[in-house]
Amino acid sequence: MKEVDQGIPFVWGAGQTLREWFESAGLELDKARRWNVCTDYKFGNLKPLVWAINRDRPEVEADISRCQPKVIVAVGIHAMRWCCGRGFILRTAHGVPVGVQIGDHKAVCVAKSKP
């Protein structure tokens, strides 16, 4: 079942990819903090809309500032552009660490394409 069907993020392609990464590293995904570029899911909204991403950015930035992650893994084009900016192309940025500043917090972002 997809995220839009369940109303829960990271249960479809991106979630499957993250679970595989964590399992291969011997880690538990459910013990890691996860964000999405939009904080809500609605039936029929398969791709995040620009206005929704902009609406939710302050909330996600505040959460990132509270958690202070050293590394952010951006799964998919929307997350990569959210973290790194629109000038990045996923196929060339895939796996390349990029220094980012999100709100008042600096971290390293690594982009990953979905399977």
PDB file of N, CA and C in Angstrom:
ATOM      1  N   MET A   1       0.823  -1.177   0.000  1.00  0.00           N
ATOM      2  CA  MET A   1       0.000   0.000   0.000  1.00  0.00           C
ATOM      3  C   MET A   1       0.877   1.255   0.000  1.00  0.00           C
ATOM      4  N   LYS A   2       0.514   2.249  -0.768  1.00  0.00           N
ATOM      5  CA  LYS A   2       1.288   3.481  -0.877  1.00  0.00           C
ATOM      6  C   LYS A   2       0.976   4.439   0.268  1.00  0.00           C
ATOM      7  N   GLU A   3       1.861   5.451   0.392  1.00  0.00           N
ATOM      8  CA  GLU A   3       1.685   6.460   1.436  1.00  0.00           C
ATOM      9  C   GLU A   3       0.317   7.123   1.366  1.00  0.00           C
ATOM     10  N   VAL A   4      -0.117   7.471   0.157  1.00  0.00           N
ATOM     11  CA  VAL A   4      -1.397   8.175   0.025  1.00  0.00           C
ATOM     12  C   VAL A   4      -2.555   7.302   0.465  1.00  0.00           C
ATOM     13  N   ASP A   5      -2.436   5.987   0.320  1.00  0.00           N
ATOM     14  CA  ASP A   5      -3.496   5.082   0.745  1.00  0.00           C
ATOM     15  C   ASP A   5      -3.549   4.957   2.264  1.00  0.00           C
ATOM     16  N   GLN A   6      -2.365   4.968   2.900  1.00  0.00           N
ATOM     17  CA  GLN A   6      -2.289   4.780   4.349  1.00  0.00           C
ATOM     18  C   GLN A   6      -2.252   6.082   5.131  1.00  0.00           C
ATOM     19  N   GLY A   7      -1.870   7.173   4.455  1.00  0.00           N
ATOM     20  CA  GLY A   7      -1.722   8.438   5.163  1.00  0.00           C
ATOM     21  C   GLY A   7      -0.491   8.476   6.038  1.00  0.00           C
ATOM     22  N   ILE A   8       0.502   7.632   5.731  1.00  0.00           N
ATOM     23  CA  ILE A   8       1.727   7.519   6.525  1.00  0.00           C
ATOM     24  C   ILE A   8       2.923   7.613   5.572  1.00  0.00           C
ATOM     25  N   PRO A   9       3.925   8.446   5.887  1.00  0.00           N
ATOM     26  CA  PRO A   9       5.086   8.538   5.004  1.00  0.00           C
ATOM     27  C   PRO A   9       6.025   7.341   5.142  1.00  0.00           C
ATOM     28  N   PHE A  10       6.800   7.108   4.117  1.00  0.00           N
ATOM     29  CA  PHE A  10       7.878   6.117   4.086  1.00  0.00           C
ATOM     30  C   PHE A  10       7.410   4.673   4.204  1.00  0.00           C
ATOM     31  N   VAL A  11       6.279   4.356   3.588  1.00  0.00           N
ATOM     32  CA  VAL A  11       5.834   2.967   3.557  1.00  0.00           C
ATOM     33  C   VAL A  11       5.861   2.406   2.133  1.00  0.00           C
ATOM     34  N   TRP A  12       6.252   3.205   1.155  1.00  0.00           N
ATOM     35  CA  TRP A  12       6.292   2.754  -0.233  1.00  0.00           C
ATOM     36  C   TRP A  12       7.734   2.739  -0.719  1.00  0.00           C
ATOM     37  N   GLY A  13       8.055   3.242  -1.874  1.00  0.00           N
ATOM     38  CA  GLY A  13       9.383   3.133  -2.477  1.00  0.00           C
ATOM     39  C   GLY A  13      10.508   3.704  -1.634  1.00  0.00           C
ATOM     40  N   ALA A  14      10.364   4.950  -1.171  1.00  0.00           N
ATOM     41  CA  ALA A  14      11.417   5.562  -0.361  1.00  0.00           C
ATOM     42  C   ALA A  14      11.596   4.807   0.945  1.00  0.00           C
ATOM     43  N   GLY A  15      10.498   4.400   1.553  1.00  0.00           N
ATOM     44  CA  GLY A  15      10.569   3.646   2.803  1.00  0.00           C
ATOM     45  C   GLY A  15      11.227   2.293   2.617  1.00  0.00           C
ATOM     46  N   GLN A  16      10.918   1.623   1.504  1.00  0.00           N
ATOM     47  CA  GLN A  16      11.547   0.332   1.220  1.00  0.00           C
ATOM     48  C   GLN A  16      13.048   0.496   1.042  1.00  0.00           C
ATOM     49  N   THR A  17      13.441   1.545   0.320  1.00  0.00           N
ATOM     50  CA  THR A  17      14.869   1.811   0.116  1.00  0.00           C
ATOM     51  C   THR A  17      15.555   2.074   1.448  1.00  0.00           C
ATOM     52  N   LEU A  18      14.963   2.931   2.277  1.00  0.00           N
ATOM     53  CA  LEU A  18      15.557   3.236   3.577  1.00  0.00           C
ATOM     54  C   LEU A  18      15.668   1.989   4.445  1.00  0.00           C
ATOM     55  N   ARG A  19      14.640   1.148   4.455  1.00  0.00           N
ATOM     56  CA  ARG A  19      14.696  -0.091   5.252  1.00  0.00           C
ATOM     57  C   ARG A  19      15.832  -0.990   4.780  1.00  0.00           C
ATOM     58  N   GLU A  20      15.998  -1.123   3.474  1.00  0.00           N
ATOM     59  CA  GLU A  20      17.104  -1.943   2.940  1.00  0.00           C
ATOM     60  C   GLU A  20      18.455  -1.393   3.390  1.00  0.00           C
ATOM     61  N   TRP A  21      18.633  -0.075   3.303  1.00  0.00           N
ATOM     62  CA  TRP A  21      19.898   0.539   3.733  1.00  0.00           C
ATOM     63  C   TRP A  21      20.158   0.263   5.199  1.00  0.00           C
ATOM     64  N   PHE A  22      19.148   0.505   6.023  1.00  0.00           N
ATOM     65  CA  PHE A  22      19.330   0.336   7.459  1.00  0.00           C
ATOM     66  C   PHE A  22      19.585  -1.121   7.810  1.00  0.00           C
ATOM     67  N   GLU A  23      18.841  -2.035   7.209  1.00  0.00           N
ATOM     68  CA  GLU A  23      19.049  -3.461   7.483  1.00  0.00           C
ATOM     69  C   GLU A  23      20.450  -3.896   7.089  1.00  0.00           C
ATOM     70  N   SER A  24      20.943  -3.434   5.934  1.00  0.00           N
ATOM     71  CA  SER A  24      22.283  -3.825   5.499  1.00  0.00           C
ATOM     72  C   SER A  24      23.367  -3.270   6.421  1.00  0.00           C
ATOM     73  N   ALA A  25      23.053  -2.166   7.117  1.00  0.00           N
ATOM     74  CA  ALA A  25      24.007  -1.576   8.065  1.00  0.00           C
ATOM     75  C   ALA A  25      23.787  -2.098   9.492  1.00  0.00           C
ATOM     76  N   GLY A  26      22.810  -2.991   9.675  1.00  0.00           N
ATOM     77  CA  GLY A  26      22.531  -3.528  11.004  1.00  0.00           C
ATOM     78  C   GLY A  26      21.832  -2.529  11.911  1.00  0.00           C
ATOM     79  N   LEU A  27      21.107  -1.578  11.331  1.00  0.00           N
ATOM     80  CA  LEU A  27      20.408  -0.548  12.098  1.00  0.00           C
ATOM     81  C   LEU A  27      18.899  -0.718  11.953  1.00  0.00           C
ATOM     82  N   GLU A  28      18.158  -0.100  12.864  1.00  0.00           N
ATOM     83  CA  GLU A  28      16.699  -0.158  12.809  1.00  0.00           C
ATOM     84  C   GLU A  28      16.150   1.185  12.310  1.00  0.00           C
ATOM     85  N   LEU A  29      15.486   1.175  11.181  1.00  0.00           N
ATOM     86  CA  LEU A  29      14.934   2.406  10.609  1.00  0.00           C
ATOM     87  C   LEU A  29      13.947   3.071  11.559  1.00  0.00           C
ATOM     88  N   ASP A  30      13.190   2.295  12.285  1.00  0.00           N
ATOM     89  CA  ASP A  30      12.184   2.867  13.170  1.00  0.00           C
ATOM     90  C   ASP A  30      12.787   3.620  14.357  1.00  0.00           C
ATOM     91  N   LYS A  31      14.104   3.517  14.536  1.00  0.00           N
ATOM     92  CA  LYS A  31      14.774   4.273  15.594  1.00  0.00           C
ATOM     93  C   LYS A  31      15.457   5.525  15.043  1.00  0.00           C
ATOM     94  N   ALA A  32      15.286   5.791  13.751  1.00  0.00           N
ATOM     95  CA  ALA A  32      15.864   6.983  13.119  1.00  0.00           C
ATOM     96  C   ALA A  32      14.757   8.009  12.904  1.00  0.00           C
ATOM     97  N   ARG A  33      15.142   9.266  12.881  1.00  0.00           N
ATOM     98  CA  ARG A  33      14.176  10.347  12.623  1.00  0.00           C
ATOM     99  C   ARG A  33      13.986  10.478  11.127  1.00  0.00           C
ATOM    100  N   ARG A  34      12.734  10.552  10.675  1.00  0.00           N
ATOM    101  CA  ARG A  34      12.433  10.696   9.253  1.00  0.00           C
ATOM    102  C   ARG A  34      11.537  11.905   9.042  1.00  0.00           C
ATOM    103  N   TRP A  35      11.803  12.604   7.957  1.00  0.00           N
ATOM    104  CA  TRP A  35      10.970  13.745   7.570  1.00  0.00           C
ATOM    105  C   TRP A  35      10.519  13.545   6.144  1.00  0.00           C
ATOM    106  N   ASN A  36       9.521  14.285   5.772  1.00  0.00           N
ATOM    107  CA  ASN A  36       9.095  14.339   4.388  1.00  0.00           C
ATOM    108  C   ASN A  36       8.941  15.810   4.038  1.00  0.00           C
ATOM    109  N   VAL A  37       9.013  16.138   2.752  1.00  0.00           N
ATOM    110  CA  VAL A  37       8.914  17.546   2.352  1.00  0.00           C
ATOM    111  C   VAL A  37       7.538  18.121   2.619  1.00  0.00           C
ATOM    112  N   CYS A  38       6.529  17.272   2.726  1.00  0.00           N
ATOM    113  CA  CYS A  38       5.180  17.693   3.090  1.00  0.00           C
ATOM    114  C   CYS A  38       4.751  16.908   4.326  1.00  0.00           C
ATOM    115  N   THR A  39       4.038  17.566   5.204  1.00  0.00           N
ATOM    116  CA  THR A  39       3.654  16.905   6.453  1.00  0.00           C
ATOM    117  C   THR A  39       2.303  16.221   6.383  1.00  0.00           C
ATOM    118  N   ASP A  40       1.618  16.327   5.254  1.00  0.00           N
ATOM    119  CA  ASP A  40       0.324  15.661   5.145  1.00  0.00           C
ATOM    120  C   ASP A  40       0.248  14.842   3.861  1.00  0.00           C
ATOM    121  N   TYR A  41      -0.653  13.905   3.864  1.00  0.00           N
ATOM    122  CA  TYR A  41      -0.909  13.082   2.689  1.00  0.00           C
ATOM    123  C   TYR A  41      -2.394  13.098   2.425  1.00  0.00           C
ATOM    124  N   LYS A  42      -2.752  13.296   1.194  1.00  0.00           N
ATOM    125  CA  LYS A  42      -4.156  13.284   0.815  1.00  0.00           C
ATOM    126  C   LYS A  42      -4.314  12.399  -0.416  1.00  0.00           C
ATOM    127  N   PHE A  43      -5.398  11.671  -0.474  1.00  0.00           N
ATOM    128  CA  PHE A  43      -5.659  10.796  -1.602  1.00  0.00           C
ATOM    129  C   PHE A  43      -5.595  11.591  -2.905  1.00  0.00           C
ATOM    130  N   GLY A  44      -4.892  11.056  -3.880  1.00  0.00           N
ATOM    131  CA  GLY A  44      -4.788  11.695  -5.180  1.00  0.00           C
ATOM    132  C   GLY A  44      -3.628  12.678  -5.297  1.00  0.00           C
ATOM    133  N   ASN A  45      -2.961  13.009  -4.198  1.00  0.00           N
ATOM    134  CA  ASN A  45      -1.822  13.926  -4.227  1.00  0.00           C
ATOM    135  C   ASN A  45      -0.541  13.100  -4.251  1.00  0.00           C
ATOM    136  N   LEU A  46      -0.266  12.477  -5.396  1.00  0.00           N
ATOM    137  CA  LEU A  46       0.859  11.553  -5.499  1.00  0.00           C
ATOM    138  C   LEU A  46       2.209  12.259  -5.475  1.00  0.00           C
ATOM    139  N   LYS A  47       2.276  13.465  -5.981  1.00  0.00           N
ATOM    140  CA  LYS A  47       3.525  14.228  -5.974  1.00  0.00           C
ATOM    141  C   LYS A  47       3.317  15.456  -5.106  1.00  0.00           C
ATOM    142  N   PRO A  48       4.319  15.793  -4.308  1.00  0.00           N
ATOM    143  CA  PRO A  48       4.151  16.992  -3.484  1.00  0.00           C
ATOM    144  C   PRO A  48       4.066  18.235  -4.364  1.00  0.00           C
ATOM    145  N   LEU A  49       3.162  19.108  -4.036  1.00  0.00           N
ATOM    146  CA  LEU A  49       2.981  20.338  -4.790  1.00  0.00           C
ATOM    147  C   LEU A  49       3.861  21.434  -4.209  1.00  0.00           C
ATOM    148  N   VAL A  50       4.327  22.347  -5.051  1.00  0.00           N
ATOM    149  CA  VAL A  50       5.241  23.403  -4.620  1.00  0.00           C
ATOM    150  C   VAL A  50       4.654  24.196  -3.460  1.00  0.00           C
ATOM    151  N   TRP A  51       3.374  24.549  -3.537  1.00  0.00           N
ATOM    152  CA  TRP A  51       2.785  25.337  -2.464  1.00  0.00           C
ATOM    153  C   TRP A  51       2.759  24.562  -1.155  1.00  0.00           C
ATOM    154  N   ALA A  52       2.554  23.238  -1.222  1.00  0.00           N
ATOM    155  CA  ALA A  52       2.529  22.417  -0.008  1.00  0.00           C
ATOM    156  C   ALA A  52       3.930  22.274   0.580  1.00  0.00           C
ATOM    157  N   ILE A  53       4.927  22.129  -0.284  1.00  0.00           N
ATOM    158  CA  ILE A  53       6.317  22.056   0.187  1.00  0.00           C
ATOM    159  C   ILE A  53       6.688  23.359   0.880  1.00  0.00           C
ATOM    160  N   ASN A  54       6.356  24.484   0.265  1.00  0.00           N
ATOM    161  CA  ASN A  54       6.651  25.797   0.858  1.00  0.00           C
ATOM    162  C   ASN A  54       5.891  26.009   2.167  1.00  0.00           C
ATOM    163  N   ARG A  55       4.655  25.557   2.211  1.00  0.00           N
ATOM    164  CA  ARG A  55       3.832  25.690   3.414  1.00  0.00           C
ATOM    165  C   ARG A  55       4.454  24.937   4.593  1.00  0.00           C
ATOM    166  N   ASP A  56       4.992  23.749   4.329  1.00  0.00           N
ATOM    167  CA  ASP A  56       5.481  22.877   5.393  1.00  0.00           C
ATOM    168  C   ASP A  56       6.961  23.058   5.723  1.00  0.00           C
ATOM    169  N   ARG A  57       7.686  23.785   4.883  1.00  0.00           N
ATOM    170  CA  ARG A  57       9.127  23.935   5.092  1.00  0.00           C
ATOM    171  C   ARG A  57       9.483  24.464   6.488  1.00  0.00           C
ATOM    172  N   PRO A  58       8.835  25.515   6.997  1.00  0.00           N
ATOM    173  CA  PRO A  58       9.209  26.001   8.336  1.00  0.00           C
ATOM    174  C   PRO A  58       9.080  24.929   9.426  1.00  0.00           C
ATOM    175  N   GLU A  59       8.038  24.121   9.350  1.00  0.00           N
ATOM    176  CA  GLU A  59       7.835  23.060  10.346  1.00  0.00           C
ATOM    177  C   GLU A  59       8.935  22.000  10.256  1.00  0.00           C
ATOM    178  N   VAL A  60       9.287  21.598   9.033  1.00  0.00           N
ATOM    179  CA  VAL A  60      10.330  20.589   8.852  1.00  0.00           C
ATOM    180  C   VAL A  60      11.692  21.162   9.260  1.00  0.00           C
ATOM    181  N   GLU A  61      11.969  22.419   8.882  1.00  0.00           N
ATOM    182  CA  GLU A  61      13.224  23.060   9.288  1.00  0.00           C
ATOM    183  C   GLU A  61      13.341  23.124  10.808  1.00  0.00           C
ATOM    184  N   ALA A  62      12.265  23.465  11.476  1.00  0.00           N
ATOM    185  CA  ALA A  62      12.290  23.547  12.940  1.00  0.00           C
ATOM    186  C   ALA A  62      12.580  22.181  13.560  1.00  0.00           C
ATOM    187  N   ASP A  63      12.009  21.140  12.987  1.00  0.00           N
ATOM    188  CA  ASP A  63      12.250  19.789  13.493  1.00  0.00           C
ATOM    189  C   ASP A  63      13.709  19.384  13.274  1.00  0.00           C
ATOM    190  N   ILE A  64      14.251  19.716  12.118  1.00  0.00           N
ATOM    191  CA  ILE A  64      15.659  19.424  11.841  1.00  0.00           C
ATOM    192  C   ILE A  64      16.553  20.197  12.806  1.00  0.00           C
ATOM    193  N   SER A  65      16.240  21.449  13.073  1.00  0.00           N
ATOM    194  CA  SER A  65      17.024  22.245  14.022  1.00  0.00           C
ATOM    195  C   SER A  65      16.981  21.635  15.422  1.00  0.00           C
ATOM    196  N   ARG A  66      15.837  21.103  15.819  1.00  0.00           N
ATOM    197  CA  ARG A  66      15.720  20.464  17.136  1.00  0.00           C
ATOM    198  C   ARG A  66      16.552  19.188  17.214  1.00  0.00           C
ATOM    199  N   CYS A  67      16.546  18.396  16.135  1.00  0.00           N
ATOM    200  CA  CYS A  67      17.225  17.090  16.139  1.00  0.00           C
ATOM    201  C   CYS A  67      18.728  17.185  15.875  1.00  0.00           C
ATOM    202  N   GLN A  68      19.160  18.228  15.150  1.00  0.00           N
ATOM    203  CA  GLN A  68      20.575  18.447  14.852  1.00  0.00           C
ATOM    204  C   GLN A  68      21.258  17.236  14.180  1.00  0.00           C
ATOM    205  N   PRO A  69      20.704  16.730  13.070  1.00  0.00           N
ATOM    206  CA  PRO A  69      21.345  15.585  12.416  1.00  0.00           C
ATOM    207  C   PRO A  69      22.666  15.984  11.769  1.00  0.00           C
ATOM    208  N   LYS A  70      23.619  15.067  11.774  1.00  0.00           N
ATOM    209  CA  LYS A  70      24.897  15.311  11.100  1.00  0.00           C
ATOM    210  C   LYS A  70      24.771  15.006   9.611  1.00  0.00           C
ATOM    211  N   VAL A  71      23.960  14.000   9.292  1.00  0.00           N
ATOM    212  CA  VAL A  71      23.768  13.579   7.902  1.00  0.00           C
ATOM    213  C   VAL A  71      22.277  13.509   7.611  1.00  0.00           C
ATOM    214  N   ILE A  72      21.898  14.022   6.459  1.00  0.00           N
ATOM    215  CA  ILE A  72      20.524  13.928   5.975  1.00  0.00           C
ATOM    216  C   ILE A  72      20.576  13.173   4.662  1.00  0.00           C
ATOM    217  N   VAL A  73      19.799  12.110   4.548  1.00  0.00           N
ATOM    218  CA  VAL A  73      19.709  11.361   3.300  1.00  0.00           C
ATOM    219  C   VAL A  73      18.423  11.791   2.617  1.00  0.00           C
ATOM    220  N   ALA A  74      18.559  12.379   1.450  1.00  0.00           N
ATOM    221  CA  ALA A  74      17.404  12.849   0.687  1.00  0.00           C
ATOM    222  C   ALA A  74      17.049  11.786  -0.348  1.00  0.00           C
ATOM    223  N   VAL A  75      15.925  11.119  -0.152  1.00  0.00           N
ATOM    224  CA  VAL A  75      15.513  10.048  -1.060  1.00  0.00           C
ATOM    225  C   VAL A  75      14.529  10.627  -2.067  1.00  0.00           C
ATOM    226  N   GLY A  76      14.963  10.669  -3.318  1.00  0.00           N
ATOM    227  CA  GLY A  76      14.107  11.164  -4.388  1.00  0.00           C
ATOM    228  C   GLY A  76      14.356  12.626  -4.713  1.00  0.00           C
ATOM    229  N   ILE A  77      13.848  13.020  -5.850  1.00  0.00           N
ATOM    230  CA  ILE A  77      14.122  14.354  -6.393  1.00  0.00           C
ATOM    231  C   ILE A  77      13.541  15.478  -5.539  1.00  0.00           C
ATOM    232  N   HIS A  78      12.341  15.287  -4.997  1.00  0.00           N
ATOM    233  CA  HIS A  78      11.726  16.354  -4.208  1.00  0.00           C
ATOM    234  C   HIS A  78      12.519  16.616  -2.932  1.00  0.00           C
ATOM    235  N   ALA A  79      12.936  15.558  -2.264  1.00  0.00           N
ATOM    236  CA  ALA A  79      13.723  15.713  -1.038  1.00  0.00           C
ATOM    237  C   ALA A  79      15.094  16.313  -1.348  1.00  0.00           C
ATOM    238  N   MET A  80      15.712  15.872  -2.453  1.00  0.00           N
ATOM    239  CA  MET A  80      17.025  16.403  -2.816  1.00  0.00           C
ATOM    240  C   MET A  80      16.942  17.895  -3.103  1.00  0.00           C
ATOM    241  N   ARG A  81      15.943  18.305  -3.859  1.00  0.00           N
ATOM    242  CA  ARG A  81      15.793  19.734  -4.160  1.00  0.00           C
ATOM    243  C   ARG A  81      15.440  20.526  -2.907  1.00  0.00           C
ATOM    244  N   TRP A  82      14.687  19.920  -2.004  1.00  0.00           N
ATOM    245  CA  TRP A  82      14.332  20.581  -0.758  1.00  0.00           C
ATOM    246  C   TRP A  82      15.607  20.871   0.043  1.00  0.00           C
ATOM    247  N   CYS A  83      16.499  19.897   0.108  1.00  0.00           N
ATOM    248  CA  CYS A  83      17.733  20.048   0.900  1.00  0.00           C
ATOM    249  C   CYS A  83      18.809  20.851   0.175  1.00  0.00           C
ATOM    250  N   CYS A  84      19.016  20.564  -1.089  1.00  0.00           N
ATOM    251  CA  CYS A  84      20.192  21.072  -1.810  1.00  0.00           C
ATOM    252  C   CYS A  84      19.887  22.221  -2.760  1.00  0.00           C
ATOM    253  N   GLY A  85      18.641  22.431  -3.102  1.00  0.00           N
ATOM    254  CA  GLY A  85      18.284  23.475  -4.053  1.00  0.00           C
ATOM    255  C   GLY A  85      17.919  22.915  -5.404  1.00  0.00           C
ATOM    256  N   ARG A  86      17.278  23.715  -6.187  1.00  0.00           N
ATOM    257  CA  ARG A  86      16.765  23.261  -7.486  1.00  0.00           C
ATOM    258  C   ARG A  86      17.854  23.022  -8.520  1.00  0.00           C
ATOM    259  N   GLY A  87      19.061  23.540  -8.303  1.00  0.00           N
ATOM    260  CA  GLY A  87      20.120  23.402  -9.288  1.00  0.00           C
ATOM    261  C   GLY A  87      20.743  22.017  -9.353  1.00  0.00           C
ATOM    262  N   PHE A  88      20.363  21.116  -8.455  1.00  0.00           N
ATOM    263  CA  PHE A  88      20.958  19.784  -8.439  1.00  0.00           C
ATOM    264  C   PHE A  88      20.167  18.835  -9.324  1.00  0.00           C
ATOM    265  N   ILE A  89      20.885  17.960 -10.001  1.00  0.00           N
ATOM    266  CA  ILE A  89      20.274  16.935 -10.851  1.00  0.00           C
ATOM    267  C   ILE A  89      20.526  15.603 -10.165  1.00  0.00           C
ATOM    268  N   LEU A  90      19.467  14.866  -9.893  1.00  0.00           N
ATOM    269  CA  LEU A  90      19.566  13.661  -9.083  1.00  0.00           C
ATOM    270  C   LEU A  90      20.551  12.642  -9.647  1.00  0.00           C
ATOM    271  N   ARG A  91      20.560  12.431 -10.930  1.00  0.00           N
ATOM    272  CA  ARG A  91      21.448  11.389 -11.478  1.00  0.00           C
ATOM    273  C   ARG A  91      22.926  11.729 -11.314  1.00  0.00           C
ATOM    274  N   THR A  92      23.266  13.018 -11.230  1.00  0.00           N
ATOM    275  CA  THR A  92      24.673  13.384 -11.019  1.00  0.00           C
ATOM    276  C   THR A  92      24.971  13.642  -9.541  1.00  0.00           C
ATOM    277  N   ALA A  93      23.966  13.974  -8.747  1.00  0.00           N
ATOM    278  CA  ALA A  93      24.170  14.236  -7.322  1.00  0.00           C
ATOM    279  C   ALA A  93      24.049  12.964  -6.482  1.00  0.00           C
ATOM    280  N   HIS A  94      23.543  11.895  -7.079  1.00  0.00           N
ATOM    281  CA  HIS A  94      23.302  10.627  -6.382  1.00  0.00           C
ATOM    282  C   HIS A  94      24.565  10.164  -5.638  1.00  0.00           C
ATOM    283  N   GLY A  95      24.466  10.065  -4.311  1.00  0.00           N
ATOM    284  CA  GLY A  95      25.563   9.557  -3.500  1.00  0.00           C
ATOM    285  C   GLY A  95      26.664  10.547  -3.177  1.00  0.00           C
ATOM    286  N   VAL A  96      26.559  11.764  -3.672  1.00  0.00           N
ATOM    287  CA  VAL A  96      27.604  12.772  -3.455  1.00  0.00           C
ATOM    288  C   VAL A  96      27.247  13.608  -2.221  1.00  0.00           C
ATOM    289  N   PRO A  97      28.110  13.619  -1.196  1.00  0.00           N
ATOM    290  CA  PRO A  97      27.804  14.434  -0.016  1.00  0.00           C
ATOM    291  C   PRO A  97      27.891  15.925  -0.329  1.00  0.00           C
ATOM    292  N   VAL A  98      26.896  16.674   0.126  1.00  0.00           N
ATOM    293  CA  VAL A  98      26.818  18.117  -0.127  1.00  0.00           C
ATOM    294  C   VAL A  98      26.576  18.817   1.211  1.00  0.00           C
ATOM    295  N   GLY A  99      27.379  19.814   1.519  1.00  0.00           N
ATOM    296  CA  GLY A  99      27.140  20.611   2.718  1.00  0.00           C
ATOM    297  C   GLY A  99      25.890  21.454   2.526  1.00  0.00           C
ATOM    298  N   VAL A 100      24.987  21.416   3.495  1.00  0.00           N
ATOM    299  CA  VAL A 100      23.743  22.180   3.410  1.00  0.00           C
ATOM    300  C   VAL A 100      23.513  22.942   4.710  1.00  0.00           C
ATOM    301  N   GLN A 101      22.750  23.998   4.596  1.00  0.00           N
ATOM    302  CA  GLN A 101      22.278  24.716   5.776  1.00  0.00           C
ATOM    303  C   GLN A 101      20.768  24.756   5.691  1.00  0.00           C
ATOM    304  N   ILE A 102      20.135  24.174   6.688  1.00  0.00           N
ATOM    305  CA  ILE A 102      18.684  24.134   6.751  1.00  0.00           C
ATOM    306  C   ILE A 102      18.289  24.902   8.002  1.00  0.00           C
ATOM    307  N   GLY A 103      17.679  26.056   7.786  1.00  0.00           N
ATOM    308  CA  GLY A 103      17.419  26.949   8.913  1.00  0.00           C
ATOM    309  C   GLY A 103      18.745  27.391   9.487  1.00  0.00           C
ATOM    310  N   ASP A 104      18.934  27.194  10.773  1.00  0.00           N
ATOM    311  CA  ASP A 104      20.200  27.572  11.401  1.00  0.00           C
ATOM    312  C   ASP A 104      21.129  26.376  11.600  1.00  0.00           C
ATOM    313  N   HIS A 105      20.790  25.243  11.010  1.00  0.00           N
ATOM    314  CA  HIS A 105      21.565  24.017  11.213  1.00  0.00           C
ATOM    315  C   HIS A 105      22.343  23.629   9.947  1.00  0.00           C
ATOM    316  N   LYS A 106      23.625  23.287  10.138  1.00  0.00           N
ATOM    317  CA  LYS A 106      24.446  22.799   9.024  1.00  0.00           C
ATOM    318  C   LYS A 106      24.580  21.284   9.132  1.00  0.00           C
ATOM    319  N   ALA A 107      24.515  20.631   7.980  1.00  0.00           N
ATOM    320  CA  ALA A 107      24.633  19.185   7.929  1.00  0.00           C
ATOM    321  C   ALA A 107      25.189  18.795   6.567  1.00  0.00           C
ATOM    322  N   VAL A 108      25.358  17.510   6.372  1.00  0.00           N
ATOM    323  CA  VAL A 108      25.736  16.968   5.077  1.00  0.00           C
ATOM    324  C   VAL A 108      24.516  16.241   4.533  1.00  0.00           C
ATOM    325  N   CYS A 109      24.197  16.518   3.283  1.00  0.00           N
ATOM    326  CA  CYS A 109      23.067  15.852   2.628  1.00  0.00           C
ATOM    327  C   CYS A 109      23.621  14.915   1.552  1.00  0.00           C
ATOM    328  N   VAL A 110      23.104  13.695   1.534  1.00  0.00           N
ATOM    329  CA  VAL A 110      23.446  12.736   0.495  1.00  0.00           C
ATOM    330  C   VAL A 110      22.154  12.381  -0.209  1.00  0.00           C
ATOM    331  N   ALA A 111      22.107  12.611  -1.513  1.00  0.00           N
ATOM    332  CA  ALA A 111      20.905  12.324  -2.292  1.00  0.00           C
ATOM    333  C   ALA A 111      20.931  10.899  -2.802  1.00  0.00           C
ATOM    334  N   LYS A 112      19.760  10.290  -2.850  1.00  0.00           N
ATOM    335  CA  LYS A 112      19.614   8.919  -3.340  1.00  0.00           C
ATOM    336  C   LYS A 112      18.387   8.867  -4.212  1.00  0.00           C
ATOM    337  N   SER A 113      18.535   8.298  -5.402  1.00  0.00           N
ATOM    338  CA  SER A 113      17.362   8.111  -6.247  1.00  0.00           C
ATOM    339  C   SER A 113      16.555   6.941  -5.731  1.00  0.00           C
ATOM    340  N   LYS A 114      15.273   6.966  -5.980  1.00  0.00           N
ATOM    341  CA  LYS A 114      14.415   5.862  -5.580  1.00  0.00           C
ATOM    342  C   LYS A 114      14.705   4.671  -6.486  1.00  0.00           C
ATOM    343  N   PRO A 115      14.418   3.459  -5.997  1.00  0.00           N
ATOM    344  CA  PRO A 115      14.672   2.277  -6.820  1.00  0.00           C
ATOM    345  C   PRO A 115      13.783   2.243  -8.047  1.00  0.00           C
TER     346      PRO A 115
END
